[in-house]
């Protein structure tokens, strides 16, 4: 399979269609679930899809060292090659690596303003014109409306779409009646898309809880393979 065909047939196309074409510049999406369900895998697959389209991506991790995040990209890319028999895989991989920056921060050791300054330095001063920002492992119990509004303003200014992971504790009380994590309900209006991962007996379902102003729209009709954590139709 050639790269363009891989892009066109990717399950991420279905993912994007389920949220009106995906996020636009200045918009924020959240992948939510309990710990260990597959949030990082989904974020990496969203990022890889963009990288395959020669878009630049910055992946920020708050909980995992960059070596561990790199392993996610390596493993998922290798699975793609194995399943799709991708032509010129070595050249494609080189392009992916060139267009990706991995960063690691400790929430206890750096302020929100410092993080945005570091990202601006990378994008503006460093000339790395990213289209997407992936933020994994952020502790949303430390989030507030002002902080998220600043991220949204930053994303608007620099033309970024932003995807967060959000870890939710076990229990139905952790979600609102609209199936939005209670952790983010006070500023959900600043978030365009909320996707919830839910473990089932033989798969992990992806459910759209919020798509812009609509809560609980039609089913996304996607799932994760519980073994590979790859998105499947």
C-alpha atoms as a PDB file:
ATOM      1  CA  UNK A   1       0.000   0.000   0.000  1.00  0.00           C
ATOM      2  CA  UNK A   2       1.273   3.478  -0.863  1.00  0.00           C
ATOM      3  CA  UNK A   3       1.264   6.233   1.757  1.00  0.00           C
ATOM      4  CA  UNK A   4      -1.607   8.205   0.209  1.00  0.00           C
ATOM      5  CA  UNK A   5      -3.842   5.151   0.214  1.00  0.00           C
ATOM      6  CA  UNK A   6      -2.951   4.498   3.852  1.00  0.00           C
ATOM      7  CA  UNK A   7      -3.989   8.050   4.724  1.00  0.00           C
ATOM      8  CA  UNK A   8      -7.283   7.818   2.802  1.00  0.00           C
ATOM      9  CA  UNK A   9      -8.222   4.456   4.335  1.00  0.00           C
ATOM     10  CA  UNK A  10      -7.169   5.278   7.880  1.00  0.00           C
ATOM     11  CA  UNK A  11      -9.824   4.841  10.609  1.00  0.00           C
ATOM     12  CA  UNK A  12      -8.852   8.369  11.654  1.00  0.00           C
ATOM     13  CA  UNK A  13     -10.929   9.543   8.653  1.00  0.00           C
ATOM     14  CA  UNK A  14     -13.988   8.018  10.354  1.00  0.00           C
ATOM     15  CA  UNK A  15     -12.850   9.546  13.642  1.00  0.00           C
ATOM     16  CA  UNK A  16     -12.687  13.002  12.024  1.00  0.00           C
ATOM     17  CA  UNK A  17     -16.029  12.581  10.248  1.00  0.00           C
ATOM     18  CA  UNK A  18     -17.649  11.814  13.606  1.00  0.00           C
ATOM     19  CA  UNK A  19     -16.608  15.253  14.888  1.00  0.00           C
ATOM     20  CA  UNK A  20     -17.402  17.273  11.749  1.00  0.00           C
ATOM     21  CA  UNK A  21     -14.064  16.888  10.018  1.00  0.00           C
ATOM     22  CA  UNK A  22     -11.841  16.916  13.092  1.00  0.00           C
ATOM     23  CA  UNK A  23     -10.490  19.799  15.089  1.00  0.00           C
ATOM     24  CA  UNK A  24      -9.623  23.108  13.466  1.00  0.00           C
ATOM     25  CA  UNK A  25      -6.848  25.512  14.423  1.00  0.00           C
ATOM     26  CA  UNK A  26      -7.575  27.004  17.842  1.00  0.00           C
ATOM     27  CA  UNK A  27      -9.842  24.138  18.900  1.00  0.00           C
ATOM     28  CA  UNK A  28      -9.359  21.737  21.817  1.00  0.00           C
ATOM     29  CA  UNK A  29     -10.234  18.058  22.060  1.00  0.00           C
ATOM     30  CA  UNK A  30     -10.079  15.709  25.054  1.00  0.00           C
ATOM     31  CA  UNK A  31      -9.689  11.910  25.097  1.00  0.00           C
ATOM     32  CA  UNK A  32     -10.975  10.718  28.491  1.00  0.00           C
ATOM     33  CA  UNK A  33     -10.963   7.384  30.291  1.00  0.00           C
ATOM     34  CA  UNK A  34      -9.699   5.565  33.334  1.00  0.00           C
ATOM     35  CA  UNK A  35      -5.979   4.935  33.513  1.00  0.00           C
ATOM     36  CA  UNK A  36      -4.561   2.288  31.171  1.00  0.00           C
ATOM     37  CA  UNK A  37      -7.481   2.114  28.727  1.00  0.00           C
ATOM     38  CA  UNK A  38      -5.737   3.512  25.629  1.00  0.00           C
ATOM     39  CA  UNK A  39      -5.705   7.323  25.689  1.00  0.00           C
ATOM     40  CA  UNK A  40      -2.011   7.621  24.784  1.00  0.00           C
ATOM     41  CA  UNK A  41      -2.453   5.161  21.923  1.00  0.00           C
ATOM     42  CA  UNK A  42      -5.333   7.175  20.453  1.00  0.00           C
ATOM     43  CA  UNK A  43      -3.352  10.413  20.747  1.00  0.00           C
ATOM     44  CA  UNK A  44      -0.340   8.832  19.039  1.00  0.00           C
ATOM     45  CA  UNK A  45      -2.547   7.516  16.222  1.00  0.00           C
ATOM     46  CA  UNK A  46      -4.039  10.983  15.699  1.00  0.00           C
ATOM     47  CA  UNK A  47      -0.515  12.407  15.658  1.00  0.00           C
ATOM     48  CA  UNK A  48       0.823   9.753  13.265  1.00  0.00           C
ATOM     49  CA  UNK A  49      -2.023  10.408  10.850  1.00  0.00           C
ATOM     50  CA  UNK A  50      -1.009  14.064  10.709  1.00  0.00           C
ATOM     51  CA  UNK A  51       2.668  13.203  10.413  1.00  0.00           C
ATOM     52  CA  UNK A  52       1.910  10.919   7.468  1.00  0.00           C
ATOM     53  CA  UNK A  53       0.314  13.967   5.819  1.00  0.00           C
ATOM     54  CA  UNK A  54       3.598  15.907   6.326  1.00  0.00           C
ATOM     55  CA  UNK A  55       2.105  18.044   9.086  1.00  0.00           C
ATOM     56  CA  UNK A  56       4.262  18.941  12.066  1.00  0.00           C
ATOM     57  CA  UNK A  57       3.295  17.749  15.545  1.00  0.00           C
ATOM     58  CA  UNK A  58       4.538  18.584  19.049  1.00  0.00           C
ATOM     59  CA  UNK A  59       3.834  15.860  21.612  1.00  0.00           C
ATOM     60  CA  UNK A  60       4.059  16.987  25.245  1.00  0.00           C
ATOM     61  CA  UNK A  61       4.054  14.368  27.999  1.00  0.00           C
ATOM     62  CA  UNK A  62       3.644  15.116  31.683  1.00  0.00           C
ATOM     63  CA  UNK A  63       3.886  11.546  32.954  1.00  0.00           C
ATOM     64  CA  UNK A  64       6.153   9.619  30.596  1.00  0.00           C
ATOM     65  CA  UNK A  65       9.780  10.162  29.643  1.00  0.00           C
ATOM     66  CA  UNK A  66      10.298  10.975  25.963  1.00  0.00           C
ATOM     67  CA  UNK A  67      11.918   7.545  25.434  1.00  0.00           C
ATOM     68  CA  UNK A  68       8.668   5.887  26.508  1.00  0.00           C
ATOM     69  CA  UNK A  69       6.586   8.138  24.227  1.00  0.00           C
ATOM     70  CA  UNK A  70       8.997   7.385  21.376  1.00  0.00           C
ATOM     71  CA  UNK A  71       8.383   3.672  21.942  1.00  0.00           C
ATOM     72  CA  UNK A  72       4.636   4.258  21.470  1.00  0.00           C
ATOM     73  CA  UNK A  73       5.278   5.885  18.088  1.00  0.00           C
ATOM     74  CA  UNK A  74       7.680   3.119  17.049  1.00  0.00           C
ATOM     75  CA  UNK A  75       5.306   0.313  18.043  1.00  0.00           C
ATOM     76  CA  UNK A  76       2.211   1.817  16.415  1.00  0.00           C
ATOM     77  CA  UNK A  77       4.062   2.735  13.226  1.00  0.00           C
ATOM     78  CA  UNK A  78       5.441  -0.804  13.032  1.00  0.00           C
ATOM     79  CA  UNK A  79       1.907  -2.194  13.446  1.00  0.00           C
ATOM     80  CA  UNK A  80       0.741   0.012  10.568  1.00  0.00           C
ATOM     81  CA  UNK A  81       3.522  -1.325   8.346  1.00  0.00           C
ATOM     82  CA  UNK A  82       2.726  -4.910   9.286  1.00  0.00           C
ATOM     83  CA  UNK A  83      -1.031  -4.597   8.688  1.00  0.00           C
ATOM     84  CA  UNK A  84      -0.963  -2.395   5.579  1.00  0.00           C
ATOM     85  CA  UNK A  85       2.257  -3.531   3.865  1.00  0.00           C
ATOM     86  CA  UNK A  86       3.340   0.085   3.431  1.00  0.00           C
ATOM     87  CA  UNK A  87       5.683   0.798   0.523  1.00  0.00           C
ATOM     88  CA  UNK A  88       8.878   2.815   1.110  1.00  0.00           C
ATOM     89  CA  UNK A  89       8.344   2.420   4.851  1.00  0.00           C
ATOM     90  CA  UNK A  90      11.871   3.565   5.702  1.00  0.00           C
ATOM     91  CA  UNK A  91      11.464   6.864   3.811  1.00  0.00           C
ATOM     92  CA  UNK A  92       8.019   7.443   5.300  1.00  0.00           C
ATOM     93  CA  UNK A  93       9.359   6.821   8.788  1.00  0.00           C
ATOM     94  CA  UNK A  94      12.190   9.308   8.230  1.00  0.00           C
ATOM     95  CA  UNK A  95       9.632  11.953   7.257  1.00  0.00           C
ATOM     96  CA  UNK A  96       7.540  11.187  10.336  1.00  0.00           C
ATOM     97  CA  UNK A  97      10.553  11.599  12.631  1.00  0.00           C
ATOM     98  CA  UNK A  98      11.548  14.863  10.947  1.00  0.00           C
ATOM     99  CA  UNK A  99       8.122  16.409  11.540  1.00  0.00           C
ATOM    100  CA  UNK A 100       7.742  15.377  15.186  1.00  0.00           C
ATOM    101  CA  UNK A 101       9.026  16.939  18.413  1.00  0.00           C
ATOM    102  CA  UNK A 102       8.659  15.184  21.779  1.00  0.00           C
ATOM    103  CA  UNK A 103       8.776  17.239  24.981  1.00  0.00           C
ATOM    104  CA  UNK A 104       8.535  16.229  28.629  1.00  0.00           C
ATOM    105  CA  UNK A 105       7.499  18.452  31.557  1.00  0.00           C
ATOM    106  CA  UNK A 106       6.899  17.929  35.263  1.00  0.00           C
ATOM    107  CA  UNK A 107       3.793  19.765  36.463  1.00  0.00           C
ATOM    108  CA  UNK A 108       5.395  20.281  39.853  1.00  0.00           C
ATOM    109  CA  UNK A 109       8.473  21.948  38.419  1.00  0.00           C
ATOM    110  CA  UNK A 110       7.175  24.381  35.800  1.00  0.00           C
ATOM    111  CA  UNK A 111       4.390  26.940  35.487  1.00  0.00           C
ATOM    112  CA  UNK A 112       1.757  27.074  32.770  1.00  0.00           C
ATOM    113  CA  UNK A 113       3.282  30.290  31.418  1.00  0.00           C
ATOM    114  CA  UNK A 114       6.723  28.685  31.232  1.00  0.00           C
ATOM    115  CA  UNK A 115       5.325  25.780  29.230  1.00  0.00           C
ATOM    116  CA  UNK A 116       3.657  28.107  26.734  1.00  0.00           C
ATOM    117  CA  UNK A 117       6.869  30.121  26.441  1.00  0.00           C
ATOM    118  CA  UNK A 118       8.820  26.933  25.711  1.00  0.00           C
ATOM    119  CA  UNK A 119       6.301  25.931  23.047  1.00  0.00           C
ATOM    120  CA  UNK A 120       6.369  29.400  21.497  1.00  0.00           C
ATOM    121  CA  UNK A 121      10.168  29.309  21.393  1.00  0.00           C
ATOM    122  CA  UNK A 122      10.025  25.977  19.565  1.00  0.00           C
ATOM    123  CA  UNK A 123       7.357  27.080  17.071  1.00  0.00           C
ATOM    124  CA  UNK A 124       8.281  30.716  16.457  1.00  0.00           C
ATOM    125  CA  UNK A 125      11.969  31.121  17.305  1.00  0.00           C
ATOM    126  CA  UNK A 126      12.905  27.576  16.340  1.00  0.00           C
ATOM    127  CA  UNK A 127      10.906  27.656  13.119  1.00  0.00           C
ATOM    128  CA  UNK A 128       9.044  24.419  13.872  1.00  0.00           C
ATOM    129  CA  UNK A 129       5.617  25.401  12.471  1.00  0.00           C
ATOM    130  CA  UNK A 130       3.470  22.753  14.116  1.00  0.00           C
ATOM    131  CA  UNK A 131      -0.160  22.204  13.126  1.00  0.00           C
ATOM    132  CA  UNK A 132      -1.050  20.026  16.117  1.00  0.00           C
ATOM    133  CA  UNK A 133      -0.200  19.912  19.808  1.00  0.00           C
ATOM    134  CA  UNK A 134      -0.682  16.655  21.722  1.00  0.00           C
ATOM    135  CA  UNK A 135      -0.746  16.977  25.540  1.00  0.00           C
ATOM    136  CA  UNK A 136      -0.686  13.665  27.379  1.00  0.00           C
ATOM    137  CA  UNK A 137      -0.753  12.956  31.100  1.00  0.00           C
ATOM    138  CA  UNK A 138      -1.832  16.418  32.249  1.00  0.00           C
ATOM    139  CA  UNK A 139      -3.481  16.334  35.690  1.00  0.00           C
ATOM    140  CA  UNK A 140      -6.856  17.993  35.080  1.00  0.00           C
ATOM    141  CA  UNK A 141      -7.450  18.405  38.804  1.00  0.00           C
ATOM    142  CA  UNK A 142      -4.976  21.301  38.438  1.00  0.00           C
ATOM    143  CA  UNK A 143      -6.722  22.824  35.443  1.00  0.00           C
ATOM    144  CA  UNK A 144      -8.879  25.944  35.716  1.00  0.00           C
ATOM    145  CA  UNK A 145     -10.815  28.084  33.292  1.00  0.00           C
ATOM    146  CA  UNK A 146      -8.156  30.782  32.956  1.00  0.00           C
ATOM    147  CA  UNK A 147      -5.408  28.292  32.207  1.00  0.00           C
ATOM    148  CA  UNK A 148      -7.406  26.498  29.510  1.00  0.00           C
ATOM    149  CA  UNK A 149      -8.514  29.828  28.013  1.00  0.00           C
ATOM    150  CA  UNK A 150      -4.837  30.821  27.757  1.00  0.00           C
ATOM    151  CA  UNK A 151      -4.051  27.567  25.940  1.00  0.00           C
ATOM    152  CA  UNK A 152      -6.956  28.192  23.563  1.00  0.00           C
ATOM    153  CA  UNK A 153      -5.759  31.742  22.870  1.00  0.00           C
ATOM    154  CA  UNK A 154      -2.230  30.422  22.282  1.00  0.00           C
ATOM    155  CA  UNK A 155      -3.583  27.775  19.882  1.00  0.00           C
ATOM    156  CA  UNK A 156      -5.604  30.380  17.991  1.00  0.00           C
ATOM    157  CA  UNK A 157      -2.625  32.676  17.667  1.00  0.00           C
ATOM    158  CA  UNK A 158      -0.261  29.979  16.383  1.00  0.00           C
ATOM    159  CA  UNK A 159      -2.751  27.974  14.344  1.00  0.00           C
ATOM    160  CA  UNK A 160      -2.695  24.798  16.435  1.00  0.00           C
ATOM    161  CA  UNK A 161      -5.281  22.150  17.127  1.00  0.00           C
ATOM    162  CA  UNK A 162      -4.828  20.752  20.638  1.00  0.00           C
ATOM    163  CA  UNK A 163      -5.586  17.240  21.912  1.00  0.00           C
ATOM    164  CA  UNK A 164      -5.424  16.402  25.637  1.00  0.00           C
ATOM    165  CA  UNK A 165      -5.725  13.125  27.478  1.00  0.00           C
ATOM    166  CA  UNK A 166      -7.768  13.212  30.692  1.00  0.00           C
ATOM    167  CA  UNK A 167      -7.552  10.436  33.284  1.00  0.00           C
ATOM    168  CA  UNK A 168     -10.829   9.824  35.104  1.00  0.00           C
ATOM    169  CA  UNK A 169     -11.193   7.844  38.329  1.00  0.00           C
ATOM    170  CA  UNK A 170     -13.424   4.767  38.340  1.00  0.00           C
ATOM    171  CA  UNK A 171     -17.142   5.229  38.978  1.00  0.00           C
ATOM    172  CA  UNK A 172     -20.188   6.626  37.151  1.00  0.00           C
ATOM    173  CA  UNK A 173     -20.180   9.674  39.451  1.00  0.00           C
ATOM    174  CA  UNK A 174     -17.035  10.832  37.637  1.00  0.00           C
ATOM    175  CA  UNK A 175     -19.166  11.782  34.593  1.00  0.00           C
ATOM    176  CA  UNK A 176     -22.053  14.209  34.112  1.00  0.00           C
ATOM    177  CA  UNK A 177     -25.389  13.172  32.598  1.00  0.00           C
ATOM    178  CA  UNK A 178     -23.928  14.216  29.229  1.00  0.00           C
ATOM    179  CA  UNK A 179     -21.070  11.712  29.784  1.00  0.00           C
ATOM    180  CA  UNK A 180     -18.525  14.521  30.167  1.00  0.00           C
ATOM    181  CA  UNK A 181     -15.892  14.048  32.892  1.00  0.00           C
ATOM    182  CA  UNK A 182     -16.793  16.035  36.007  1.00  0.00           C
ATOM    183  CA  UNK A 183     -13.160  17.190  36.035  1.00  0.00           C
ATOM    184  CA  UNK A 184     -13.759  19.362  32.967  1.00  0.00           C
ATOM    185  CA  UNK A 185     -17.472  20.266  33.247  1.00  0.00           C
ATOM    186  CA  UNK A 186     -16.884  23.829  34.497  1.00  0.00           C
ATOM    187  CA  UNK A 187     -15.061  24.820  31.313  1.00  0.00           C
ATOM    188  CA  UNK A 188     -16.457  22.290  28.830  1.00  0.00           C
ATOM    189  CA  UNK A 189     -17.634  25.228  26.707  1.00  0.00           C
ATOM    190  CA  UNK A 190     -13.967  25.897  25.879  1.00  0.00           C
ATOM    191  CA  UNK A 191     -13.563  22.335  24.568  1.00  0.00           C
ATOM    192  CA  UNK A 192     -14.875  21.449  21.123  1.00  0.00           C
ATOM    193  CA  UNK A 193     -14.660  17.665  21.335  1.00  0.00           C
ATOM    194  CA  UNK A 194     -14.813  15.133  24.169  1.00  0.00           C
ATOM    195  CA  UNK A 195     -14.194  11.462  23.351  1.00  0.00           C
ATOM    196  CA  UNK A 196     -14.666   8.850  26.087  1.00  0.00           C
ATOM    197  CA  UNK A 197     -13.003   5.420  25.941  1.00  0.00           C
ATOM    198  CA  UNK A 198     -15.048   2.669  27.570  1.00  0.00           C
ATOM    199  CA  UNK A 199     -13.831  -0.925  28.087  1.00  0.00           C
ATOM    200  CA  UNK A 200     -16.185  -3.625  26.800  1.00  0.00           C
ATOM    201  CA  UNK A 201     -15.822  -7.433  27.030  1.00  0.00           C
ATOM    202  CA  UNK A 202     -14.017  -7.767  23.679  1.00  0.00           C
ATOM    203  CA  UNK A 203     -13.028  -4.210  22.720  1.00  0.00           C
ATOM    204  CA  UNK A 204     -12.706  -0.606  23.870  1.00  0.00           C
ATOM    205  CA  UNK A 205     -15.396   1.695  22.494  1.00  0.00           C
ATOM    206  CA  UNK A 206     -14.890   5.322  21.465  1.00  0.00           C
ATOM    207  CA  UNK A 207     -17.898   7.505  22.267  1.00  0.00           C
ATOM    208  CA  UNK A 208     -18.369  11.147  21.322  1.00  0.00           C
ATOM    209  CA  UNK A 209     -19.732  12.895  24.412  1.00  0.00           C
ATOM    210  CA  UNK A 210     -19.399  16.423  23.008  1.00  0.00           C
ATOM    211  CA  UNK A 211     -19.030  17.745  19.470  1.00  0.00           C
ATOM    212  CA  UNK A 212     -19.007  21.541  19.577  1.00  0.00           C
ATOM    213  CA  UNK A 213     -22.463  22.505  20.915  1.00  0.00           C
ATOM    214  CA  UNK A 214     -23.951  19.011  20.628  1.00  0.00           C
ATOM    215  CA  UNK A 215     -23.808  16.506  23.461  1.00  0.00           C
ATOM    216  CA  UNK A 216     -23.965  12.747  22.833  1.00  0.00           C
ATOM    217  CA  UNK A 217     -24.333  12.830  19.034  1.00  0.00           C
ATOM    218  CA  UNK A 218     -24.559   9.673  16.913  1.00  0.00           C
ATOM    219  CA  UNK A 219     -22.186   6.796  17.670  1.00  0.00           C
ATOM    220  CA  UNK A 220     -18.617   7.073  16.402  1.00  0.00           C
ATOM    221  CA  UNK A 221     -18.705   3.420  15.250  1.00  0.00           C
ATOM    222  CA  UNK A 222     -15.062   2.935  16.180  1.00  0.00           C
ATOM    223  CA  UNK A 223     -13.296   0.762  18.703  1.00  0.00           C
ATOM    224  CA  UNK A 224      -9.816  -0.068  19.954  1.00  0.00           C
ATOM    225  CA  UNK A 225      -8.360  -3.529  19.664  1.00  0.00           C
ATOM    226  CA  UNK A 226      -7.714  -4.405  23.352  1.00  0.00           C
ATOM    227  CA  UNK A 227      -4.397  -6.087  22.441  1.00  0.00           C
ATOM    228  CA  UNK A 228      -2.808  -3.633  19.994  1.00  0.00           C
ATOM    229  CA  UNK A 229      -4.872  -0.571  21.068  1.00  0.00           C
ATOM    230  CA  UNK A 230      -5.171   0.352  17.385  1.00  0.00           C
ATOM    231  CA  UNK A 231      -8.296   2.154  16.193  1.00  0.00           C
ATOM    232  CA  UNK A 232     -10.596  -0.135  14.193  1.00  0.00           C
ATOM    233  CA  UNK A 233     -13.857   0.409  12.335  1.00  0.00           C
END
